[in-house]
Amino acid sequence: MYSRSSSQLEQMLVDNNATSMGTVADAAVRSAADDEVVVLLFVDRTITNAASPKPRVDRSRVVMTLDIVDGRWLVDRADLL
């Protein structure tokens, strides 16, 4: 789904001179097992674009699932709440 929409999204962001910078304000472990961890992230994103050059902050919650693959923790899934 991302692959299908990413080129259109990228062009829209370029056309509108959009920027976004995210900072994880806080995080918590929702669940943990030997091969999977689910964390809840509280993310503050500062966003600007050509129509709104004054920065605005969006606060998001993200549930991220990480799996261990070949000894490395990799993101398997990220869901906005």
PDB file of N, CA and C in Angstrom:
ATOM      1  N   MET A   1       0.830  -1.179   0.000  1.00  0.00           N
ATOM      2  CA  MET A   1       0.000   0.000   0.000  1.00  0.00           C
ATOM      3  C   MET A   1       0.880   1.250   0.000  1.00  0.00           C
ATOM      4  N   TYR A   2       1.925   1.240   0.831  1.00  0.00           N
ATOM      5  CA  TYR A   2       2.827   2.398   0.884  1.00  0.00           C
ATOM      6  C   TYR A   2       3.498   2.619  -0.461  1.00  0.00           C
ATOM      7  N   SER A   3       3.950   1.534  -1.072  1.00  0.00           N
ATOM      8  CA  SER A   3       4.633   1.650  -2.369  1.00  0.00           C
ATOM      9  C   SER A   3       3.738   2.298  -3.416  1.00  0.00           C
ATOM     10  N   ARG A   4       2.457   1.968  -3.396  1.00  0.00           N
ATOM     11  CA  ARG A   4       1.532   2.521  -4.387  1.00  0.00           C
ATOM     12  C   ARG A   4       1.312   4.010  -4.196  1.00  0.00           C
ATOM     13  N   SER A   5       1.281   4.465  -2.953  1.00  0.00           N
ATOM     14  CA  SER A   5       0.957   5.874  -2.708  1.00  0.00           C
ATOM     15  C   SER A   5       2.180   6.752  -2.462  1.00  0.00           C
ATOM     16  N   SER A   6       3.348   6.163  -2.265  1.00  0.00           N
ATOM     17  CA  SER A   6       4.515   6.949  -1.862  1.00  0.00           C
ATOM     18  C   SER A   6       4.973   7.939  -2.927  1.00  0.00           C
ATOM     19  N   SER A   7       4.907   7.585  -4.195  1.00  0.00           N
ATOM     20  CA  SER A   7       5.375   8.517  -5.218  1.00  0.00           C
ATOM     21  C   SER A   7       4.471   9.744  -5.301  1.00  0.00           C
ATOM     22  N   GLN A   8       3.163   9.567  -5.168  1.00  0.00           N
ATOM     23  CA  GLN A   8       2.234  10.698  -5.159  1.00  0.00           C
ATOM     24  C   GLN A   8       2.457  11.556  -3.918  1.00  0.00           C
ATOM     25  N   LEU A   9       2.634  10.919  -2.786  1.00  0.00           N
ATOM     26  CA  LEU A   9       2.880  11.637  -1.540  1.00  0.00           C
ATOM     27  C   LEU A   9       4.185  12.416  -1.619  1.00  0.00           C
ATOM     28  N   GLU A  10       5.221  11.789  -2.128  1.00  0.00           N
ATOM     29  CA  GLU A  10       6.514  12.463  -2.256  1.00  0.00           C
ATOM     30  C   GLU A  10       6.396  13.709  -3.125  1.00  0.00           C
ATOM     31  N   GLN A  11       5.709  13.610  -4.245  1.00  0.00           N
ATOM     32  CA  GLN A  11       5.563  14.764  -5.129  1.00  0.00           C
ATOM     33  C   GLN A  11       4.775  15.876  -4.450  1.00  0.00           C
ATOM     34  N   MET A  12       3.734  15.531  -3.715  1.00  0.00           N
ATOM     35  CA  MET A  12       2.937  16.531  -3.006  1.00  0.00           C
ATOM     36  C   MET A  12       3.783  17.250  -1.950  1.00  0.00           C
ATOM     37  N   LEU A  13       4.620  16.507  -1.238  1.00  0.00           N
ATOM     38  CA  LEU A  13       5.484  17.100  -0.214  1.00  0.00           C
ATOM     39  C   LEU A  13       6.510  18.039  -0.834  1.00  0.00           C
ATOM     40  N   VAL A  14       7.090  17.641  -1.955  1.00  0.00           N
ATOM     41  CA  VAL A  14       8.069  18.486  -2.653  1.00  0.00           C
ATOM     42  C   VAL A  14       7.385  19.745  -3.174  1.00  0.00           C
ATOM     43  N   ASP A  15       6.234  19.583  -3.816  1.00  0.00           N
ATOM     44  CA  ASP A  15       5.512  20.727  -4.377  1.00  0.00           C
ATOM     45  C   ASP A  15       5.131  21.751  -3.313  1.00  0.00           C
ATOM     46  N   ASN A  16       4.839  21.281  -2.105  1.00  0.00           N
ATOM     47  CA  ASN A  16       4.403  22.161  -1.026  1.00  0.00           C
ATOM     48  C   ASN A  16       5.525  22.539  -0.069  1.00  0.00           C
ATOM     49  N   ASN A  17       6.770  22.174  -0.420  1.00  0.00           N
ATOM     50  CA  ASN A  17       7.930  22.507   0.407  1.00  0.00           C
ATOM     51  C   ASN A  17       7.712  22.104   1.865  1.00  0.00           C
ATOM     52  N   ALA A  18       7.211  20.894   2.072  1.00  0.00           N
ATOM     53  CA  ALA A  18       6.861  20.417   3.406  1.00  0.00           C
ATOM     54  C   ALA A  18       8.086  19.873   4.139  1.00  0.00           C
ATOM     55  N   THR A  19       8.122  20.141   5.443  1.00  0.00           N
ATOM     56  CA  THR A  19       9.146  19.564   6.307  1.00  0.00           C
ATOM     57  C   THR A  19       8.478  19.020   7.560  1.00  0.00           C
ATOM     58  N   SER A  20       9.091  18.011   8.135  1.00  0.00           N
ATOM     59  CA  SER A  20       8.598  17.440   9.376  1.00  0.00           C
ATOM     60  C   SER A  20       9.784  16.887  10.152  1.00  0.00           C
ATOM     61  N   MET A  21       9.837  17.218  11.423  1.00  0.00           N
ATOM     62  CA  MET A  21      10.893  16.709  12.296  1.00  0.00           C
ATOM     63  C   MET A  21      10.218  16.102  13.518  1.00  0.00           C
ATOM     64  N   GLY A  22      10.518  14.841  13.795  1.00  0.00           N
ATOM     65  CA  GLY A  22       9.884  14.156  14.918  1.00  0.00           C
ATOM     66  C   GLY A  22      10.840  13.905  16.068  1.00  0.00           C
ATOM     67  N   THR A  23      10.279  13.976  17.269  1.00  0.00           N
ATOM     68  CA  THR A  23      11.029  13.683  18.484  1.00  0.00           C
ATOM     69  C   THR A  23      10.176  12.762  19.342  1.00  0.00           C
ATOM     70  N   VAL A  24      10.774  11.682  19.826  1.00  0.00           N
ATOM     71  CA  VAL A  24      10.059  10.792  20.736  1.00  0.00           C
ATOM     72  C   VAL A  24      10.074  11.441  22.114  1.00  0.00           C
ATOM     73  N   ALA A  25       8.888  11.872  22.560  1.00  0.00           N
ATOM     74  CA  ALA A  25       8.768  12.538  23.858  1.00  0.00           C
ATOM     75  C   ALA A  25       8.795  11.537  25.005  1.00  0.00           C
ATOM     76  N   ASP A  26       8.249  10.337  24.767  1.00  0.00           N
ATOM     77  CA  ASP A  26       8.234   9.303  25.800  1.00  0.00           C
ATOM     78  C   ASP A  26       7.952   7.965  25.131  1.00  0.00           C
ATOM     79  N   ALA A  27       8.276   6.892  25.819  1.00  0.00           N
ATOM     80  CA  ALA A  27       8.061   5.549  25.286  1.00  0.00           C
ATOM     81  C   ALA A  27       7.773   4.599  26.439  1.00  0.00           C
ATOM     82  N   ALA A  28       7.013   3.554  26.134  1.00  0.00           N
ATOM     83  CA  ALA A  28       6.707   2.542  27.140  1.00  0.00           C
ATOM     84  C   ALA A  28       6.618   1.188  26.458  1.00  0.00           C
ATOM     85  N   VAL A  29       7.026   0.159  27.162  1.00  0.00           N
ATOM     86  CA  VAL A  29       6.912  -1.206  26.651  1.00  0.00           C
ATOM     87  C   VAL A  29       5.497  -1.691  26.922  1.00  0.00           C
ATOM     88  N   ARG A  30       4.819  -2.072  25.861  1.00  0.00           N
ATOM     89  CA  ARG A  30       3.455  -2.609  26.005  1.00  0.00           C
ATOM     90  C   ARG A  30       3.505  -4.101  26.302  1.00  0.00           C
ATOM     91  N   SER A  31       4.399  -4.810  25.606  1.00  0.00           N
ATOM     92  CA  SER A  31       4.589  -6.236  25.869  1.00  0.00           C
ATOM     93  C   SER A  31       5.977  -6.641  25.394  1.00  0.00           C
ATOM     94  N   ALA A  32       6.490  -7.716  25.987  1.00  0.00           N
ATOM     95  CA  ALA A  32       7.829  -8.180  25.605  1.00  0.00           C
ATOM     96  C   ALA A  32       7.878  -9.698  25.686  1.00  0.00           C
ATOM     97  N   ALA A  33       8.509 -10.274  24.683  1.00  0.00           N
ATOM     98  CA  ALA A  33       8.771 -11.717  24.641  1.00  0.00           C
ATOM     99  C   ALA A  33      10.195 -11.882  24.120  1.00  0.00           C
ATOM    100  N   ASP A  34      10.663 -13.109  24.063  1.00  0.00           N
ATOM    101  CA  ASP A  34      12.028 -13.355  23.607  1.00  0.00           C
ATOM    102  C   ASP A  34      12.272 -12.904  22.173  1.00  0.00           C
ATOM    103  N   ASP A  35      11.226 -12.967  21.335  1.00  0.00           N
ATOM    104  CA  ASP A  35      11.416 -12.663  19.907  1.00  0.00           C
ATOM    105  C   ASP A  35      10.571 -11.504  19.390  1.00  0.00           C
ATOM    106  N   GLU A  36       9.802 -10.852  20.282  1.00  0.00           N
ATOM    107  CA  GLU A  36       8.961  -9.742  19.849  1.00  0.00           C
ATOM    108  C   GLU A  36       8.743  -8.761  20.999  1.00  0.00           C
ATOM    109  N   VAL A  37       8.814  -7.476  20.671  1.00  0.00           N
ATOM    110  CA  VAL A  37       8.545  -6.414  21.639  1.00  0.00           C
ATOM    111  C   VAL A  37       7.566  -5.443  20.999  1.00  0.00           C
ATOM    112  N   VAL A  38       6.587  -5.000  21.768  1.00  0.00           N
ATOM    113  CA  VAL A  38       5.636  -3.991  21.313  1.00  0.00           C
ATOM    114  C   VAL A  38       5.808  -2.775  22.218  1.00  0.00           C
ATOM    115  N   VAL A  39       6.078  -1.625  21.605  1.00  0.00           N
ATOM    116  CA  VAL A  39       6.284  -0.401  22.369  1.00  0.00           C
ATOM    117  C   VAL A  39       5.267   0.653  21.939  1.00  0.00           C
ATOM    118  N   LEU A  40       4.950   1.533  22.875  1.00  0.00           N
ATOM    119  CA  LEU A  40       4.095   2.678  22.614  1.00  0.00           C
ATOM    120  C   LEU A  40       4.974   3.910  22.644  1.00  0.00           C
ATOM    121  N   LEU A  41       4.951   4.668  21.549  1.00  0.00           N
ATOM    122  CA  LEU A  41       5.775   5.874  21.429  1.00  0.00           C
ATOM    123  C   LEU A  41       4.877   7.101  21.396  1.00  0.00           C
ATOM    124  N   PHE A  42       5.270   8.121  22.136  1.00  0.00           N
ATOM    125  CA  PHE A  42       4.608   9.417  22.090  1.00  0.00           C
ATOM    126  C   PHE A  42       5.524  10.334  21.293  1.00  0.00           C
ATOM    127  N   VAL A  43       5.086  10.733  20.114  1.00  0.00           N
ATOM    128  CA  VAL A  43       5.940  11.448  19.175  1.00  0.00           C
ATOM    129  C   VAL A  43       5.393  12.867  18.948  1.00  0.00           C
ATOM    130  N   ASP A  44       6.271  13.858  19.102  1.00  0.00           N
ATOM    131  CA  ASP A  44       5.944  15.243  18.760  1.00  0.00           C
ATOM    132  C   ASP A  44       6.577  15.535  17.411  1.00  0.00           C
ATOM    133  N   ARG A  45       5.756  15.949  16.430  1.00  0.00           N
ATOM    134  CA  ARG A  45       6.255  16.269  15.096  1.00  0.00           C
ATOM    135  C   ARG A  45       6.044  17.752  14.829  1.00  0.00           C
ATOM    136  N   THR A  46       7.111  18.443  14.456  1.00  0.00           N
ATOM    137  CA  THR A  46       7.027  19.836  14.052  1.00  0.00           C
ATOM    138  C   THR A  46       6.917  19.864  12.529  1.00  0.00           C
ATOM    139  N   ILE A  47       5.842  20.486  12.025  1.00  0.00           N
ATOM    140  CA  ILE A  47       5.521  20.437  10.600  1.00  0.00           C
ATOM    141  C   ILE A  47       5.422  21.856  10.042  1.00  0.00           C
ATOM    142  N   THR A  48       6.005  22.058   8.860  1.00  0.00           N
ATOM    143  CA  THR A  48       5.839  23.305   8.114  1.00  0.00           C
ATOM    144  C   THR A  48       5.578  22.958   6.652  1.00  0.00           C
ATOM    145  N   ASN A  49       4.963  23.887   5.926  1.00  0.00           N
ATOM    146  CA  ASN A  49       4.812  23.752   4.482  1.00  0.00           C
ATOM    147  C   ASN A  49       4.597  25.136   3.890  1.00  0.00           C
ATOM    148  N   ALA A  50       4.524  25.208   2.584  1.00  0.00           N
ATOM    149  CA  ALA A  50       4.409  26.506   1.906  1.00  0.00           C
ATOM    150  C   ALA A  50       3.161  27.261   2.347  1.00  0.00           C
ATOM    151  N   ALA A  51       2.068  26.561   2.566  1.00  0.00           N
ATOM    152  CA  ALA A  51       0.819  27.213   2.974  1.00  0.00           C
ATOM    153  C   ALA A  51       0.839  27.627   4.438  1.00  0.00           C
ATOM    154  N   SER A  52       1.609  26.923   5.268  1.00  0.00           N
ATOM    155  CA  SER A  52       1.693  27.218   6.708  1.00  0.00           C
ATOM    156  C   SER A  52       3.159  27.233   7.134  1.00  0.00           C
ATOM    157  N   PRO A  53       3.879  28.319   6.826  1.00  0.00           N
ATOM    158  CA  PRO A  53       5.307  28.356   7.165  1.00  0.00           C
ATOM    159  C   PRO A  53       5.579  28.424   8.669  1.00  0.00           C
ATOM    160  N   LYS A  54       4.587  28.864   9.452  1.00  0.00           N
ATOM    161  CA  LYS A  54       4.760  28.875  10.908  1.00  0.00           C
ATOM    162  C   LYS A  54       4.671  27.431  11.406  1.00  0.00           C
ATOM    163  N   PRO A  55       5.693  26.954  12.123  1.00  0.00           N
ATOM    164  CA  PRO A  55       5.696  25.557  12.572  1.00  0.00           C
ATOM    165  C   PRO A  55       4.498  25.232  13.471  1.00  0.00           C
ATOM    166  N   ARG A  56       3.956  24.057  13.267  1.00  0.00           N
ATOM    167  CA  ARG A  56       2.916  23.556  14.161  1.00  0.00           C
ATOM    168  C   ARG A  56       3.355  22.199  14.685  1.00  0.00           C
ATOM    169  N   VAL A  57       2.919  21.865  15.880  1.00  0.00           N
ATOM    170  CA  VAL A  57       3.304  20.593  16.497  1.00  0.00           C
ATOM    171  C   VAL A  57       2.100  19.661  16.498  1.00  0.00           C
ATOM    172  N   ASP A  58       2.295  18.481  15.931  1.00  0.00           N
ATOM    173  CA  ASP A  58       1.306  17.404  16.012  1.00  0.00           C
ATOM    174  C   ASP A  58       1.828  16.383  17.000  1.00  0.00           C
ATOM    175  N   ARG A  59       0.977  15.944  17.868  1.00  0.00           N
ATOM    176  CA  ARG A  59       1.353  14.916  18.838  1.00  0.00           C
ATOM    177  C   ARG A  59       0.689  13.606  18.420  1.00  0.00           C
ATOM    178  N   SER A  60       1.509  12.596  18.242  1.00  0.00           N
ATOM    179  CA  SER A  60       1.015  11.306  17.773  1.00  0.00           C
ATOM    180  C   SER A  60       1.393  10.209  18.754  1.00  0.00           C
ATOM    181  N   ARG A  61       0.606   9.158  18.723  1.00  0.00           N
ATOM    182  CA  ARG A  61       0.951   7.932  19.442  1.00  0.00           C
ATOM    183  C   ARG A  61       1.155   6.851  18.395  1.00  0.00           C
ATOM    184  N   VAL A  62       2.229   6.113  18.542  1.00  0.00           N
ATOM    185  CA  VAL A  62       2.570   5.062  17.593  1.00  0.00           C
ATOM    186  C   VAL A  62       2.808   3.770  18.367  1.00  0.00           C
ATOM    187  N   VAL A  63       2.165   2.706  17.928  1.00  0.00           N
ATOM    188  CA  VAL A  63       2.454   1.376  18.468  1.00  0.00           C
ATOM    189  C   VAL A  63       3.387   0.705  17.482  1.00  0.00           C
ATOM    190  N   MET A  64       4.578   0.349  17.953  1.00  0.00           N
ATOM    191  CA  MET A  64       5.586  -0.239  17.080  1.00  0.00           C
ATOM    192  C   MET A  64       5.888  -1.667  17.560  1.00  0.00           C
ATOM    193  N   THR A  65       5.830  -2.599  16.619  1.00  0.00           N
ATOM    194  CA  THR A  65       6.153  -3.994  16.897  1.00  0.00           C
ATOM    195  C   THR A  65       7.515  -4.295  16.297  1.00  0.00           C
ATOM    196  N   LEU A  66       8.411  -4.811  17.121  1.00  0.00           N
ATOM    197  CA  LEU A  66       9.760  -5.169  16.675  1.00  0.00           C
ATOM    198  C   LEU A  66       9.957  -6.662  16.855  1.00  0.00           C
ATOM    199  N   ASP A  67      10.564  -7.278  15.851  1.00  0.00           N
ATOM    200  CA  ASP A  67      10.899  -8.707  15.899  1.00  0.00           C
ATOM    201  C   ASP A  67      12.401  -8.861  15.824  1.00  0.00           C
ATOM    202  N   ILE A  68      12.905  -9.916  16.446  1.00  0.00           N
ATOM    203  CA  ILE A  68      14.339 -10.179  16.349  1.00  0.00           C
ATOM    204  C   ILE A  68      14.580 -11.043  15.117  1.00  0.00           C
ATOM    205  N   VAL A  69      15.465 -10.552  14.245  1.00  0.00           N
ATOM    206  CA  VAL A  69      15.798 -11.242  12.999  1.00  0.00           C
ATOM    207  C   VAL A  69      17.316 -11.279  12.883  1.00  0.00           C
ATOM    208  N   ASP A  70      17.867 -12.465  12.847  1.00  0.00           N
ATOM    209  CA  ASP A  70      19.317 -12.635  12.751  1.00  0.00           C
ATOM    210  C   ASP A  70      20.066 -11.818  13.815  1.00  0.00           C
ATOM    211  N   GLY A  71      19.533 -11.836  15.032  1.00  0.00           N
ATOM    212  CA  GLY A  71      20.195 -11.158  16.151  1.00  0.00           C
ATOM    213  C   GLY A  71      19.987  -9.660  16.219  1.00  0.00           C
ATOM    214  N   ARG A  72      19.154  -9.098  15.323  1.00  0.00           N
ATOM    215  CA  ARG A  72      18.899  -7.651  15.308  1.00  0.00           C
ATOM    216  C   ARG A  72      17.407  -7.394  15.496  1.00  0.00           C
ATOM    217  N   TRP A  73      17.079  -6.360  16.262  1.00  0.00           N
ATOM    218  CA  TRP A  73      15.681  -5.960  16.416  1.00  0.00           C
ATOM    219  C   TRP A  73      15.283  -5.081  15.239  1.00  0.00           C
ATOM    220  N   LEU A  74      14.279  -5.541  14.484  1.00  0.00           N
ATOM    221  CA  LEU A  74      13.806  -4.827  13.296  1.00  0.00           C
ATOM    222  C   LEU A  74      12.317  -4.516  13.440  1.00  0.00           C
ATOM    223  N   VAL A  75      11.908  -3.374  12.924  1.00  0.00           N
ATOM    224  CA  VAL A  75      10.511  -2.990  12.968  1.00  0.00           C
ATOM    225  C   VAL A  75       9.713  -3.880  12.021  1.00  0.00           C
ATOM    226  N   ASP A  76       8.711  -4.530  12.566  1.00  0.00           N
ATOM    227  CA  ASP A  76       7.820  -5.356  11.751  1.00  0.00           C
ATOM    228  C   ASP A  76       6.569  -4.575  11.375  1.00  0.00           C
ATOM    229  N   ARG A  77       6.158  -3.666  12.274  1.00  0.00           N
ATOM    230  CA  ARG A  77       4.910  -2.959  12.064  1.00  0.00           C
ATOM    231  C   ARG A  77       4.888  -1.668  12.864  1.00  0.00           C
ATOM    232  N   ALA A  78       4.296  -0.626  12.316  1.00  0.00           N
ATOM    233  CA  ALA A  78       4.103   0.643  13.027  1.00  0.00           C
ATOM    234  C   ALA A  78       2.692   1.119  12.747  1.00  0.00           C
ATOM    235  N   ASP A  79       1.926   1.348  13.804  1.00  0.00           N
ATOM    236  CA  ASP A  79       0.539   1.764  13.671  1.00  0.00           C
ATOM    237  C   ASP A  79       0.316   3.081  14.417  1.00  0.00           C
ATOM    238  N   LEU A  80      -0.266   4.054  13.730  1.00  0.00           N
ATOM    239  CA  LEU A  80      -0.671   5.297  14.381  1.00  0.00           C
ATOM    240  C   LEU A  80      -1.965   5.057  15.136  1.00  0.00           C
ATOM    241  N   LEU A  81      -2.052   5.603  16.320  1.00  0.00           N
ATOM    242  CA  LEU A  81      -3.306   5.499  17.085  1.00  0.00           C
ATOM    243  C   LEU A  81      -4.121   6.744  16.909  1.00  0.00           C
TER     244      LEU A  81
END
